[in-house]
Amino acid sequence: MTMRVNHPYPEDILLLIEVSDSTLKYDQNEKLSLYAENQIQNYWIFNLVTYELERYSQPYRDTQGKYNYRTKQISLSTETVLLPGFANLSLDLNRVFPRS
């Protein structure tokens, strides 16, 4: 068994996922900015407040030096999404979010 001597580097992370309800605003602002700054290419938030999946990609730094993502996509609980890096692997969000 090989033991890691460091945390993964951004290029090692294909997808970073947060599951949020009480921490939603923090995840949408503070964590999002930190992940963009560290060049995490795909950041997803399973929003348990609205039962939506927020998908962020393409990190960048704006002219004021703030970090964000160029692309934000919202997927509803009734949709199916493809996993980044896996063209044939999808996730049915009906199985993730509880039925109301």
PDB file of N, CA and C in Angstrom:
ATOM      1  N   MET A   1       0.838  -1.169   0.000  1.00  0.00           N
ATOM      2  CA  MET A   1       0.000   0.000   0.000  1.00  0.00           C
ATOM      3  C   MET A   1       0.891   1.242   0.000  1.00  0.00           C
ATOM      4  N   THR A   2       0.620   2.157  -0.918  1.00  0.00           N
ATOM      5  CA  THR A   2       1.380   3.398  -1.003  1.00  0.00           C
ATOM      6  C   THR A   2       0.689   4.456  -0.147  1.00  0.00           C
ATOM      7  N   MET A   3       1.464   5.148   0.644  1.00  0.00           N
ATOM      8  CA  MET A   3       0.905   6.180   1.506  1.00  0.00           C
ATOM      9  C   MET A   3       1.204   7.559   0.926  1.00  0.00           C
ATOM     10  N   ARG A   4       0.204   8.408   0.900  1.00  0.00           N
ATOM     11  CA  ARG A   4       0.388   9.777   0.424  1.00  0.00           C
ATOM     12  C   ARG A   4       1.137  10.584   1.470  1.00  0.00           C
ATOM     13  N   VAL A   5       2.014  11.450   0.992  1.00  0.00           N
ATOM     14  CA  VAL A   5       2.745  12.325   1.902  1.00  0.00           C
ATOM     15  C   VAL A   5       2.227  13.754   1.826  1.00  0.00           C
ATOM     16  N   ASN A   6       1.236  13.992   0.966  1.00  0.00           N
ATOM     17  CA  ASN A   6       0.663  15.328   0.828  1.00  0.00           C
ATOM     18  C   ASN A   6      -0.811  15.212   0.443  1.00  0.00           C
ATOM     19  N   HIS A   7      -1.505  16.332   0.565  1.00  0.00           N
ATOM     20  CA  HIS A   7      -2.883  16.395   0.088  1.00  0.00           C
ATOM     21  C   HIS A   7      -2.868  16.351  -1.435  1.00  0.00           C
ATOM     22  N   PRO A   8      -3.989  15.997  -2.050  1.00  0.00           N
ATOM     23  CA  PRO A   8      -4.030  16.006  -3.517  1.00  0.00           C
ATOM     24  C   PRO A   8      -3.792  17.422  -4.057  1.00  0.00           C
ATOM     25  N   TYR A   9      -3.160  17.499  -5.196  1.00  0.00           N
ATOM     26  CA  TYR A   9      -2.976  18.770  -5.893  1.00  0.00           C
ATOM     27  C   TYR A   9      -4.213  19.032  -6.744  1.00  0.00           C
ATOM     28  N   PRO A  10      -4.475  20.293  -7.122  1.00  0.00           N
ATOM     29  CA  PRO A  10      -5.666  20.581  -7.932  1.00  0.00           C
ATOM     30  C   PRO A  10      -5.783  19.709  -9.181  1.00  0.00           C
ATOM     31  N   GLU A  11      -4.678  19.433  -9.830  1.00  0.00           N
ATOM     32  CA  GLU A  11      -4.736  18.606 -11.047  1.00  0.00           C
ATOM     33  C   GLU A  11      -5.106  17.155 -10.741  1.00  0.00           C
ATOM     34  N   ASP A  12      -5.055  16.753  -9.473  1.00  0.00           N
ATOM     35  CA  ASP A  12      -5.457  15.412  -9.062  1.00  0.00           C
ATOM     36  C   ASP A  12      -6.964  15.306  -8.818  1.00  0.00           C
ATOM     37  N   ILE A  13      -7.640  16.442  -8.745  1.00  0.00           N
ATOM     38  CA  ILE A  13      -9.058  16.474  -8.367  1.00  0.00           C
ATOM     39  C   ILE A  13      -9.918  16.653  -9.614  1.00  0.00           C
ATOM     40  N   LEU A  14     -10.678  15.629  -9.941  1.00  0.00           N
ATOM     41  CA  LEU A  14     -11.556  15.680 -11.104  1.00  0.00           C
ATOM     42  C   LEU A  14     -12.844  16.441 -10.789  1.00  0.00           C
ATOM     43  N   LEU A  15     -13.349  16.250  -9.581  1.00  0.00           N
ATOM     44  CA  LEU A  15     -14.616  16.849  -9.182  1.00  0.00           C
ATOM     45  C   LEU A  15     -14.624  17.007  -7.667  1.00  0.00           C
ATOM     46  N   LEU A  16     -15.004  18.187  -7.198  1.00  0.00           N
ATOM     47  CA  LEU A  16     -15.139  18.426  -5.771  1.00  0.00           C
ATOM     48  C   LEU A  16     -16.616  18.684  -5.487  1.00  0.00           C
ATOM     49  N   ILE A  17     -17.166  17.977  -4.515  1.00  0.00           N
ATOM     50  CA  ILE A  17     -18.604  18.055  -4.222  1.00  0.00           C
ATOM     51  C   ILE A  17     -18.840  18.490  -2.785  1.00  0.00           C
ATOM     52  N   GLU A  18     -19.774  19.414  -2.611  1.00  0.00           N
ATOM     53  CA  GLU A  18     -20.275  19.819  -1.296  1.00  0.00           C
ATOM     54  C   GLU A  18     -21.757  19.454  -1.231  1.00  0.00           C
ATOM     55  N   VAL A  19     -22.201  19.003  -0.092  1.00  0.00           N
ATOM     56  CA  VAL A  19     -23.617  18.779   0.174  1.00  0.00           C
ATOM     57  C   VAL A  19     -24.007  19.837   1.190  1.00  0.00           C
ATOM     58  N   SER A  20     -24.909  20.744   0.788  1.00  0.00           N
ATOM     59  CA  SER A  20     -25.134  21.952   1.588  1.00  0.00           C
ATOM     60  C   SER A  20     -26.586  22.190   1.953  1.00  0.00           C
ATOM     61  N   ASP A  21     -26.777  22.550   3.193  1.00  0.00           N
ATOM     62  CA  ASP A  21     -28.048  23.120   3.639  1.00  0.00           C
ATOM     63  C   ASP A  21     -27.725  24.312   4.533  1.00  0.00           C
ATOM     64  N   SER A  22     -27.313  24.093   5.760  1.00  0.00           N
ATOM     65  CA  SER A  22     -27.008  25.209   6.658  1.00  0.00           C
ATOM     66  C   SER A  22     -25.726  25.951   6.260  1.00  0.00           C
ATOM     67  N   THR A  23     -24.853  25.332   5.476  1.00  0.00           N
ATOM     68  CA  THR A  23     -23.599  25.975   5.054  1.00  0.00           C
ATOM     69  C   THR A  23     -23.669  26.490   3.617  1.00  0.00           C
ATOM     70  N   LEU A  24     -24.856  26.564   3.048  1.00  0.00           N
ATOM     71  CA  LEU A  24     -25.007  26.892   1.635  1.00  0.00           C
ATOM     72  C   LEU A  24     -24.335  28.199   1.241  1.00  0.00           C
ATOM     73  N   LYS A  25     -24.604  29.279   1.931  1.00  0.00           N
ATOM     74  CA  LYS A  25     -24.020  30.584   1.563  1.00  0.00           C
ATOM     75  C   LYS A  25     -22.500  30.546   1.648  1.00  0.00           C
ATOM     76  N   TYR A  26     -21.978  29.901   2.658  1.00  0.00           N
ATOM     77  CA  TYR A  26     -20.521  29.769   2.812  1.00  0.00           C
ATOM     78  C   TYR A  26     -19.928  28.974   1.644  1.00  0.00           C
ATOM     79  N   ASP A  27     -20.606  27.898   1.257  1.00  0.00           N
ATOM     80  CA  ASP A  27     -20.133  27.067   0.152  1.00  0.00           C
ATOM     81  C   ASP A  27     -20.225  27.814  -1.182  1.00  0.00           C
ATOM     82  N   GLN A  28     -21.277  28.629  -1.355  1.00  0.00           N
ATOM     83  CA  GLN A  28     -21.472  29.368  -2.602  1.00  0.00           C
ATOM     84  C   GLN A  28     -20.536  30.566  -2.734  1.00  0.00           C
ATOM     85  N   ASN A  29     -19.983  31.034  -1.633  1.00  0.00           N
ATOM     86  CA  ASN A  29     -19.140  32.223  -1.677  1.00  0.00           C
ATOM     87  C   ASN A  29     -17.694  31.929  -1.294  1.00  0.00           C
ATOM     88  N   GLU A  30     -17.462  31.652  -0.027  1.00  0.00           N
ATOM     89  CA  GLU A  30     -16.097  31.470   0.463  1.00  0.00           C
ATOM     90  C   GLU A  30     -15.401  30.259  -0.160  1.00  0.00           C
ATOM     91  N   LYS A  31     -16.046  29.113  -0.071  1.00  0.00           N
ATOM     92  CA  LYS A  31     -15.418  27.908  -0.611  1.00  0.00           C
ATOM     93  C   LYS A  31     -15.291  27.997  -2.127  1.00  0.00           C
ATOM     94  N   LEU A  32     -16.315  28.499  -2.796  1.00  0.00           N
ATOM     95  CA  LEU A  32     -16.273  28.633  -4.240  1.00  0.00           C
ATOM     96  C   LEU A  32     -15.062  29.465  -4.665  1.00  0.00           C
ATOM     97  N   SER A  33     -14.842  30.579  -4.013  1.00  0.00           N
ATOM     98  CA  SER A  33     -13.701  31.443  -4.331  1.00  0.00           C
ATOM     99  C   SER A  33     -12.369  30.736  -4.081  1.00  0.00           C
ATOM    100  N   LEU A  34     -12.264  30.025  -2.971  1.00  0.00           N
ATOM    101  CA  LEU A  34     -11.030  29.288  -2.665  1.00  0.00           C
ATOM    102  C   LEU A  34     -10.760  28.183  -3.679  1.00  0.00           C
ATOM    103  N   TYR A  35     -11.796  27.471  -4.060  1.00  0.00           N
ATOM    104  CA  TYR A  35     -11.620  26.392  -5.032  1.00  0.00           C
ATOM    105  C   TYR A  35     -11.236  26.956  -6.403  1.00  0.00           C
ATOM    106  N   ALA A  36     -11.866  28.060  -6.800  1.00  0.00           N
ATOM    107  CA  ALA A  36     -11.512  28.695  -8.072  1.00  0.00           C
ATOM    108  C   ALA A  36     -10.069  29.187  -8.039  1.00  0.00           C
ATOM    109  N   GLU A  37      -9.666  29.790  -6.935  1.00  0.00           N
ATOM    110  CA  GLU A  37      -8.291  30.268  -6.795  1.00  0.00           C
ATOM    111  C   GLU A  37      -7.289  29.122  -6.925  1.00  0.00           C
ATOM    112  N   ASN A  38      -7.659  27.967  -6.428  1.00  0.00           N
ATOM    113  CA  ASN A  38      -6.775  26.805  -6.477  1.00  0.00           C
ATOM    114  C   ASN A  38      -6.972  25.949  -7.730  1.00  0.00           C
ATOM    115  N   GLN A  39      -7.706  26.507  -8.689  1.00  0.00           N
ATOM    116  CA  GLN A  39      -7.880  25.888 -10.005  1.00  0.00           C
ATOM    117  C   GLN A  39      -8.570  24.523  -9.980  1.00  0.00           C
ATOM    118  N   ILE A  40      -9.530  24.360  -9.058  1.00  0.00           N
ATOM    119  CA  ILE A  40     -10.378  23.169  -9.070  1.00  0.00           C
ATOM    120  C   ILE A  40     -11.320  23.333 -10.264  1.00  0.00           C
ATOM    121  N   GLN A  41     -11.218  22.450 -11.231  1.00  0.00           N
ATOM    122  CA  GLN A  41     -11.926  22.620 -12.499  1.00  0.00           C
ATOM    123  C   GLN A  41     -13.438  22.403 -12.416  1.00  0.00           C
ATOM    124  N   ASN A  42     -13.881  21.505 -11.547  1.00  0.00           N
ATOM    125  CA  ASN A  42     -15.308  21.191 -11.424  1.00  0.00           C
ATOM    126  C   ASN A  42     -15.706  21.176  -9.959  1.00  0.00           C
ATOM    127  N   TYR A  43     -16.623  22.068  -9.604  1.00  0.00           N
ATOM    128  CA  TYR A  43     -17.112  22.189  -8.232  1.00  0.00           C
ATOM    129  C   TYR A  43     -18.625  22.077  -8.281  1.00  0.00           C
ATOM    130  N   TRP A  44     -19.159  21.101  -7.542  1.00  0.00           N
ATOM    131  CA  TRP A  44     -20.597  20.900  -7.491  1.00  0.00           C
ATOM    132  C   TRP A  44     -21.104  21.128  -6.074  1.00  0.00           C
ATOM    133  N   ILE A  45     -22.285  21.745  -5.989  1.00  0.00           N
ATOM    134  CA  ILE A  45     -22.970  21.897  -4.705  1.00  0.00           C
ATOM    135  C   ILE A  45     -24.338  21.229  -4.821  1.00  0.00           C
ATOM    136  N   PHE A  46     -24.537  20.199  -4.013  1.00  0.00           N
ATOM    137  CA  PHE A  46     -25.864  19.611  -3.892  1.00  0.00           C
ATOM    138  C   PHE A  46     -26.629  20.490  -2.910  1.00  0.00           C
ATOM    139  N   ASN A  47     -27.471  21.351  -3.458  1.00  0.00           N
ATOM    140  CA  ASN A  47     -28.205  22.346  -2.688  1.00  0.00           C
ATOM    141  C   ASN A  47     -29.458  21.693  -2.105  1.00  0.00           C
ATOM    142  N   LEU A  48     -29.410  21.403  -0.805  1.00  0.00           N
ATOM    143  CA  LEU A  48     -30.536  20.747  -0.138  1.00  0.00           C
ATOM    144  C   LEU A  48     -31.641  21.720   0.255  1.00  0.00           C
ATOM    145  N   VAL A  49     -31.402  23.007   0.073  1.00  0.00           N
ATOM    146  CA  VAL A  49     -32.426  24.010   0.357  1.00  0.00           C
ATOM    147  C   VAL A  49     -33.443  24.062  -0.786  1.00  0.00           C
ATOM    148  N   THR A  50     -32.937  24.062  -2.024  1.00  0.00           N
ATOM    149  CA  THR A  50     -33.815  24.154  -3.193  1.00  0.00           C
ATOM    150  C   THR A  50     -33.902  22.853  -3.988  1.00  0.00           C
ATOM    151  N   TYR A  51     -33.208  21.803  -3.540  1.00  0.00           N
ATOM    152  CA  TYR A  51     -33.164  20.518  -4.248  1.00  0.00           C
ATOM    153  C   TYR A  51     -32.682  20.689  -5.691  1.00  0.00           C
ATOM    154  N   GLU A  52     -31.569  21.389  -5.811  1.00  0.00           N
ATOM    155  CA  GLU A  52     -30.935  21.600  -7.104  1.00  0.00           C
ATOM    156  C   GLU A  52     -29.457  21.251  -6.998  1.00  0.00           C
ATOM    157  N   LEU A  53     -28.879  20.913  -8.127  1.00  0.00           N
ATOM    158  CA  LEU A  53     -27.446  20.709  -8.208  1.00  0.00           C
ATOM    159  C   LEU A  53     -26.845  21.923  -8.896  1.00  0.00           C
ATOM    160  N   GLU A  54     -25.921  22.600  -8.216  1.00  0.00           N
ATOM    161  CA  GLU A  54     -25.209  23.732  -8.795  1.00  0.00           C
ATOM    162  C   GLU A  54     -23.864  23.212  -9.296  1.00  0.00           C
ATOM    163  N   ARG A  55     -23.605  23.385 -10.600  1.00  0.00           N
ATOM    164  CA  ARG A  55     -22.363  22.890 -11.188  1.00  0.00           C
ATOM    165  C   ARG A  55     -21.539  24.072 -11.691  1.00  0.00           C
ATOM    166  N   TYR A  56     -20.327  24.188 -11.175  1.00  0.00           N
ATOM    167  CA  TYR A  56     -19.431  25.279 -11.537  1.00  0.00           C
ATOM    168  C   TYR A  56     -18.224  24.712 -12.273  1.00  0.00           C
ATOM    169  N   SER A  57     -17.771  25.433 -13.309  1.00  0.00           N
ATOM    170  CA  SER A  57     -16.572  25.026 -14.040  1.00  0.00           C
ATOM    171  C   SER A  57     -15.871  26.257 -14.606  1.00  0.00           C
ATOM    172  N   GLN A  58     -14.669  26.068 -15.072  1.00  0.00           N
ATOM    173  CA  GLN A  58     -13.825  27.099 -15.662  1.00  0.00           C
ATOM    174  C   GLN A  58     -13.451  28.201 -14.658  1.00  0.00           C
ATOM    175  N   PRO A  59     -12.602  27.877 -13.692  1.00  0.00           N
ATOM    176  CA  PRO A  59     -12.180  28.890 -12.729  1.00  0.00           C
ATOM    177  C   PRO A  59     -11.403  30.021 -13.401  1.00  0.00           C
ATOM    178  N   TYR A  60     -11.549  31.230 -12.872  1.00  0.00           N
ATOM    179  CA  TYR A  60     -10.828  32.383 -13.404  1.00  0.00           C
ATOM    180  C   TYR A  60     -10.654  33.442 -12.318  1.00  0.00           C
ATOM    181  N   ARG A  61      -9.826  34.413 -12.616  1.00  0.00           N
ATOM    182  CA  ARG A  61      -9.591  35.563 -11.733  1.00  0.00           C
ATOM    183  C   ARG A  61     -10.015  36.810 -12.493  1.00  0.00           C
ATOM    184  N   ASP A  62     -10.881  37.635 -11.883  1.00  0.00           N
ATOM    185  CA  ASP A  62     -11.363  38.826 -12.581  1.00  0.00           C
ATOM    186  C   ASP A  62     -10.361  39.982 -12.453  1.00  0.00           C
ATOM    187  N   THR A  63     -10.687  41.106 -13.042  1.00  0.00           N
ATOM    188  CA  THR A  63      -9.766  42.249 -13.075  1.00  0.00           C
ATOM    189  C   THR A  63      -9.534  42.868 -11.699  1.00  0.00           C
ATOM    190  N   GLN A  64     -10.414  42.605 -10.734  1.00  0.00           N
ATOM    191  CA  GLN A  64     -10.226  43.081  -9.362  1.00  0.00           C
ATOM    192  C   GLN A  64      -9.469  42.071  -8.509  1.00  0.00           C
ATOM    193  N   GLY A  65      -9.069  40.946  -9.110  1.00  0.00           N
ATOM    194  CA  GLY A  65      -8.305  39.933  -8.395  1.00  0.00           C
ATOM    195  C   GLY A  65      -9.151  38.923  -7.646  1.00  0.00           C
ATOM    196  N   LYS A  66     -10.474  38.941  -7.847  1.00  0.00           N
ATOM    197  CA  LYS A  66     -11.352  37.979  -7.185  1.00  0.00           C
ATOM    198  C   LYS A  66     -11.489  36.726  -8.048  1.00  0.00           C
ATOM    199  N   TYR A  67     -11.627  35.592  -7.361  1.00  0.00           N
ATOM    200  CA  TYR A  67     -11.723  34.310  -8.052  1.00  0.00           C
ATOM    201  C   TYR A  67     -13.168  33.842  -8.096  1.00  0.00           C
ATOM    202  N   ASN A  68     -13.525  33.256  -9.236  1.00  0.00           N
ATOM    203  CA  ASN A  68     -14.884  32.765  -9.436  1.00  0.00           C
ATOM    204  C   ASN A  68     -14.843  31.714 -10.550  1.00  0.00           C
ATOM    205  N   TYR A  69     -16.012  31.292 -10.980  1.00  0.00           N
ATOM    206  CA  TYR A  69     -16.135  30.354 -12.089  1.00  0.00           C
ATOM    207  C   TYR A  69     -16.896  31.033 -13.225  1.00  0.00           C
ATOM    208  N   ARG A  70     -16.446  30.782 -14.447  1.00  0.00           N
ATOM    209  CA  ARG A  70     -17.109  31.361 -15.624  1.00  0.00           C
ATOM    210  C   ARG A  70     -18.473  30.731 -15.866  1.00  0.00           C
ATOM    211  N   THR A  71     -18.587  29.440 -15.591  1.00  0.00           N
ATOM    212  CA  THR A  71     -19.811  28.715 -15.910  1.00  0.00           C
ATOM    213  C   THR A  71     -20.491  28.217 -14.644  1.00  0.00           C
ATOM    214  N   LYS A  72     -21.780  28.513 -14.542  1.00  0.00           N
ATOM    215  CA  LYS A  72     -22.620  27.973 -13.466  1.00  0.00           C
ATOM    216  C   LYS A  72     -23.844  27.368 -14.146  1.00  0.00           C
ATOM    217  N   GLN A  73     -24.096  26.096 -13.861  1.00  0.00           N
ATOM    218  CA  GLN A  73     -25.270  25.422 -14.390  1.00  0.00           C
ATOM    219  C   GLN A  73     -26.107  24.911 -13.228  1.00  0.00           C
ATOM    220  N   ILE A  74     -27.398  25.065 -13.353  1.00  0.00           N
ATOM    221  CA  ILE A  74     -28.336  24.557 -12.353  1.00  0.00           C
ATOM    222  C   ILE A  74     -29.053  23.354 -12.956  1.00  0.00           C
ATOM    223  N   SER A  75     -29.044  22.257 -12.235  1.00  0.00           N
ATOM    224  CA  SER A  75     -29.777  21.062 -12.652  1.00  0.00           C
ATOM    225  C   SER A  75     -30.856  20.789 -11.615  1.00  0.00           C
ATOM    226  N   LEU A  76     -32.040  20.507 -12.096  1.00  0.00           N
ATOM    227  CA  LEU A  76     -33.183  20.250 -11.220  1.00  0.00           C
ATOM    228  C   LEU A  76     -33.172  18.809 -10.736  1.00  0.00           C
ATOM    229  N   SER A  77     -33.908  18.562  -9.679  1.00  0.00           N
ATOM    230  CA  SER A  77     -33.925  17.229  -9.068  1.00  0.00           C
ATOM    231  C   SER A  77     -34.513  16.156  -9.989  1.00  0.00           C
ATOM    232  N   THR A  78     -35.171  16.563 -11.051  1.00  0.00           N
ATOM    233  CA  THR A  78     -35.773  15.616 -11.992  1.00  0.00           C
ATOM    234  C   THR A  78     -34.863  15.293 -13.171  1.00  0.00           C
ATOM    235  N   GLU A  79     -33.659  15.853 -13.189  1.00  0.00           N
ATOM    236  CA  GLU A  79     -32.770  15.698 -14.331  1.00  0.00           C
ATOM    237  C   GLU A  79     -31.670  14.666 -14.075  1.00  0.00           C
ATOM    238  N   THR A  80     -30.979  14.326 -15.139  1.00  0.00           N
ATOM    239  CA  THR A  80     -29.813  13.451 -15.098  1.00  0.00           C
ATOM    240  C   THR A  80     -28.631  14.246 -15.620  1.00  0.00           C
ATOM    241  N   VAL A  81     -27.482  14.123 -14.962  1.00  0.00           N
ATOM    242  CA  VAL A  81     -26.283  14.870 -15.368  1.00  0.00           C
ATOM    243  C   VAL A  81     -25.139  13.907 -15.643  1.00  0.00           C
ATOM    244  N   LEU A  82     -24.254  14.321 -16.545  1.00  0.00           N
ATOM    245  CA  LEU A  82     -23.052  13.552 -16.838  1.00  0.00           C
ATOM    246  C   LEU A  82     -21.958  13.940 -15.859  1.00  0.00           C
ATOM    247  N   LEU A  83     -21.155  12.971 -15.461  1.00  0.00           N
ATOM    248  CA  LEU A  83     -20.028  13.241 -14.577  1.00  0.00           C
ATOM    249  C   LEU A  83     -18.836  13.704 -15.409  1.00  0.00           C
ATOM    250  N   PRO A  84     -18.169  14.784 -14.976  1.00  0.00           N
ATOM    251  CA  PRO A  84     -17.033  15.293 -15.746  1.00  0.00           C
ATOM    252  C   PRO A  84     -15.945  14.233 -15.901  1.00  0.00           C
ATOM    253  N   GLY A  85     -15.456  14.109 -17.123  1.00  0.00           N
ATOM    254  CA  GLY A  85     -14.392  13.153 -17.399  1.00  0.00           C
ATOM    255  C   GLY A  85     -14.875  11.754 -17.725  1.00  0.00           C
ATOM    256  N   PHE A  86     -16.183  11.511 -17.630  1.00  0.00           N
ATOM    257  CA  PHE A  86     -16.754  10.192 -17.902  1.00  0.00           C
ATOM    258  C   PHE A  86     -17.955  10.361 -18.829  1.00  0.00           C
ATOM    259  N   ALA A  87     -17.731  10.286 -20.116  1.00  0.00           N
ATOM    260  CA  ALA A  87     -18.781  10.542 -21.104  1.00  0.00           C
ATOM    261  C   ALA A  87     -19.975   9.601 -20.983  1.00  0.00           C
ATOM    262  N   ASN A  88     -19.765   8.408 -20.453  1.00  0.00           N
ATOM    263  CA  ASN A  88     -20.845   7.425 -20.371  1.00  0.00           C
ATOM    264  C   ASN A  88     -21.360   7.201 -18.957  1.00  0.00           C
ATOM    265  N   LEU A  89     -20.987   8.068 -18.030  1.00  0.00           N
ATOM    266  CA  LEU A  89     -21.398   7.894 -16.636  1.00  0.00           C
ATOM    267  C   LEU A  89     -22.291   9.065 -16.222  1.00  0.00           C
ATOM    268  N   SER A  90     -23.513   8.741 -15.840  1.00  0.00           N
ATOM    269  CA  SER A  90     -24.469   9.791 -15.478  1.00  0.00           C
ATOM    270  C   SER A  90     -25.016   9.566 -14.078  1.00  0.00           C
ATOM    271  N   LEU A  91     -25.606  10.622 -13.550  1.00  0.00           N
ATOM    272  CA  LEU A  91     -26.194  10.591 -12.214  1.00  0.00           C
ATOM    273  C   LEU A  91     -27.632  11.069 -12.311  1.00  0.00           C
ATOM    274  N   ASP A  92     -28.557  10.227 -11.915  1.00  0.00           N
ATOM    275  CA  ASP A  92     -29.977  10.569 -11.890  1.00  0.00           C
ATOM    276  C   ASP A  92     -30.246  11.313 -10.582  1.00  0.00           C
ATOM    277  N   LEU A  93     -30.556  12.594 -10.682  1.00  0.00           N
ATOM    278  CA  LEU A  93     -30.737  13.410  -9.473  1.00  0.00           C
ATOM    279  C   LEU A  93     -31.982  13.041  -8.686  1.00  0.00           C
ATOM    280  N   ASN A  94     -32.917  12.324  -9.300  1.00  0.00           N
ATOM    281  CA  ASN A  94     -34.070  11.800  -8.559  1.00  0.00           C
ATOM    282  C   ASN A  94     -33.616  10.866  -7.435  1.00  0.00           C
ATOM    283  N   ARG A  95     -32.469  10.236  -7.624  1.00  0.00           N
ATOM    284  CA  ARG A  95     -31.964   9.302  -6.628  1.00  0.00           C
ATOM    285  C   ARG A  95     -31.177  10.000  -5.527  1.00  0.00           C
ATOM    286  N   VAL A  96     -30.847  11.275  -5.743  1.00  0.00           N
ATOM    287  CA  VAL A  96     -30.056  12.034  -4.779  1.00  0.00           C
ATOM    288  C   VAL A  96     -30.947  12.864  -3.866  1.00  0.00           C
ATOM    289  N   PHE A  97     -31.893  13.570  -4.473  1.00  0.00           N
ATOM    290  CA  PHE A  97     -32.751  14.473  -3.710  1.00  0.00           C
ATOM    291  C   PHE A  97     -34.035  13.765  -3.279  1.00  0.00           C
ATOM    292  N   PRO A  98     -34.471  14.001  -2.053  1.00  0.00           N
ATOM    293  CA  PRO A  98     -35.709  13.379  -1.581  1.00  0.00           C
ATOM    294  C   PRO A  98     -36.919  13.929  -2.337  1.00  0.00           C
ATOM    295  N   ARG A  99     -37.876  13.101  -2.475  1.00  0.00           N
ATOM    296  CA  ARG A  99     -39.130  13.567  -3.122  1.00  0.00           C
ATOM    297  C   ARG A  99     -39.908  14.419  -2.142  1.00  0.00           C
ATOM    298  N   SER A 100     -40.487  15.498  -2.683  1.00  0.00           N
ATOM    299  CA  SER A 100     -41.257  16.387  -1.788  1.00  0.00           C
ATOM    300  C   SER A 100     -42.701  15.984  -1.693  1.00  0.00           C
TER     301      SER A 100
END
